[in-house]
Amino acid sequence: MTRDDIKDLILEIIKDIDEDANFATLQSDQPLRDQLDLDSMDFLDIVMELRKRHKLQIPEEDYPQLASLDSCVNYLEPMLKNV
């Protein structure tokens, strides 16, 4: 997967969780939770969906690395490079 593919994947998962999510003003370097009003359950849903779709195991101590769209891509890119 390319970096753009990973961004699209994350945004698609967020849209599935919150169909009212507005990406128009989304800043990729800012925390997703603050910009999209995601709560901790929404965040866990994102992690679980990544596990379900791509069999990714993301340890809880790595969750802070998924804070922004950019950091998600940076974290997931090595895991999804051969997908």
Protein backbone atom coordinates (compact mmCIF):
# COMPACT_ATOMS: atom_id res chain seq x y z
CA MET A 1 0.00 0.00 0.00
CA THR A 2 1.14 3.50 -0.72
CA ARG A 3 0.99 6.32 1.82
CA ASP A 4 -2.10 7.67 0.04
CA ASP A 5 -3.74 4.23 0.17
CA ILE A 6 -3.15 4.10 3.92
CA LYS A 7 -4.61 7.60 4.37
CA ASP A 8 -7.65 6.55 2.37
CA LEU A 9 -7.98 3.40 4.46
CA ILE A 10 -7.93 5.35 7.74
CA LEU A 11 -10.45 7.90 6.46
CA GLU A 12 -12.70 5.12 5.15
CA ILE A 13 -12.65 3.40 8.55
CA ILE A 14 -13.43 6.67 10.31
CA LYS A 15 -16.30 7.32 7.88
CA ASP A 16 -17.67 3.83 8.62
CA ILE A 17 -17.56 4.59 12.35
CA ASP A 18 -18.87 8.16 12.10
CA GLU A 19 -20.77 8.82 8.91
CA ASP A 20 -21.06 12.50 9.85
CA ALA A 21 -17.28 12.97 9.99
CA ASN A 22 -16.23 16.05 8.05
CA PHE A 23 -12.81 15.77 6.44
CA ALA A 24 -12.97 19.15 4.67
CA THR A 25 -10.80 20.94 7.23
CA LEU A 26 -8.83 17.93 8.46
CA GLN A 27 -5.19 18.73 9.16
CA SER A 28 -3.14 15.58 8.77
CA ASP A 29 -0.60 16.59 11.44
CA GLN A 30 -3.16 17.35 14.16
CA PRO A 31 -4.82 14.82 16.50
CA LEU A 32 -7.75 13.09 14.86
CA ARG A 33 -9.66 12.86 18.14
CA ASP A 34 -9.70 16.64 18.54
CA GLN A 35 -10.62 17.40 14.96
CA LEU A 36 -13.28 14.78 14.44
CA ASP A 37 -14.65 14.57 17.97
CA LEU A 38 -13.72 10.89 18.30
CA ASP A 39 -14.04 9.34 21.73
CA SER A 40 -11.98 6.47 23.12
CA MET A 41 -14.47 3.87 21.89
CA ASP A 42 -14.31 5.30 18.37
CA PHE A 43 -10.54 5.09 18.52
CA LEU A 44 -10.71 1.46 19.64
CA ASP A 45 -13.12 0.76 16.79
CA ILE A 46 -10.51 2.09 14.36
CA VAL A 47 -7.86 -0.21 15.84
CA MET A 48 -10.23 -3.19 15.77
CA GLU A 49 -11.18 -2.50 12.17
CA LEU A 50 -7.49 -2.44 11.19
CA ARG A 51 -7.13 -5.79 12.92
CA LYS A 52 -10.15 -7.22 11.14
CA ARG A 53 -9.33 -5.94 7.66
CA HIS A 54 -5.57 -6.47 7.63
CA LYS A 55 -4.82 -8.80 10.55
CA LEU A 56 -2.74 -6.09 12.23
CA GLN A 57 -1.85 -6.43 15.87
CA ILE A 58 -1.39 -2.99 17.38
CA PRO A 59 -0.23 -3.07 21.00
CA GLU A 60 -1.94 -0.65 23.35
CA GLU A 61 1.36 1.07 24.10
CA ASP A 62 1.55 2.03 20.41
CA TYR A 63 -1.86 3.76 20.34
CA PRO A 64 -0.30 7.24 20.80
CA GLN A 65 1.45 6.70 17.46
CA LEU A 66 -1.99 6.68 15.82
CA ALA A 67 -2.95 10.15 17.03
CA SER A 68 -2.88 12.04 13.73
CA LEU A 69 -3.44 10.97 10.15
CA ASP A 70 0.26 11.49 9.40
CA SER A 71 1.37 9.48 12.41
CA CYS A 72 -1.06 6.68 11.48
CA VAL A 73 0.48 6.50 8.03
CA ASN A 74 4.02 6.55 9.43
CA TYR A 75 3.17 3.76 11.89
CA LEU A 76 1.20 1.58 9.48
CA GLU A 77 3.31 1.99 6.35
CA PRO A 78 5.90 -0.69 7.24
CA MET A 79 3.11 -3.10 8.24
CA LEU A 80 1.12 -2.59 5.04
CA LYS A 81 3.92 -2.17 2.51
CA ASN A 82 3.33 -5.59 0.96
CA VAL A 83 -0.46 -5.45 0.93
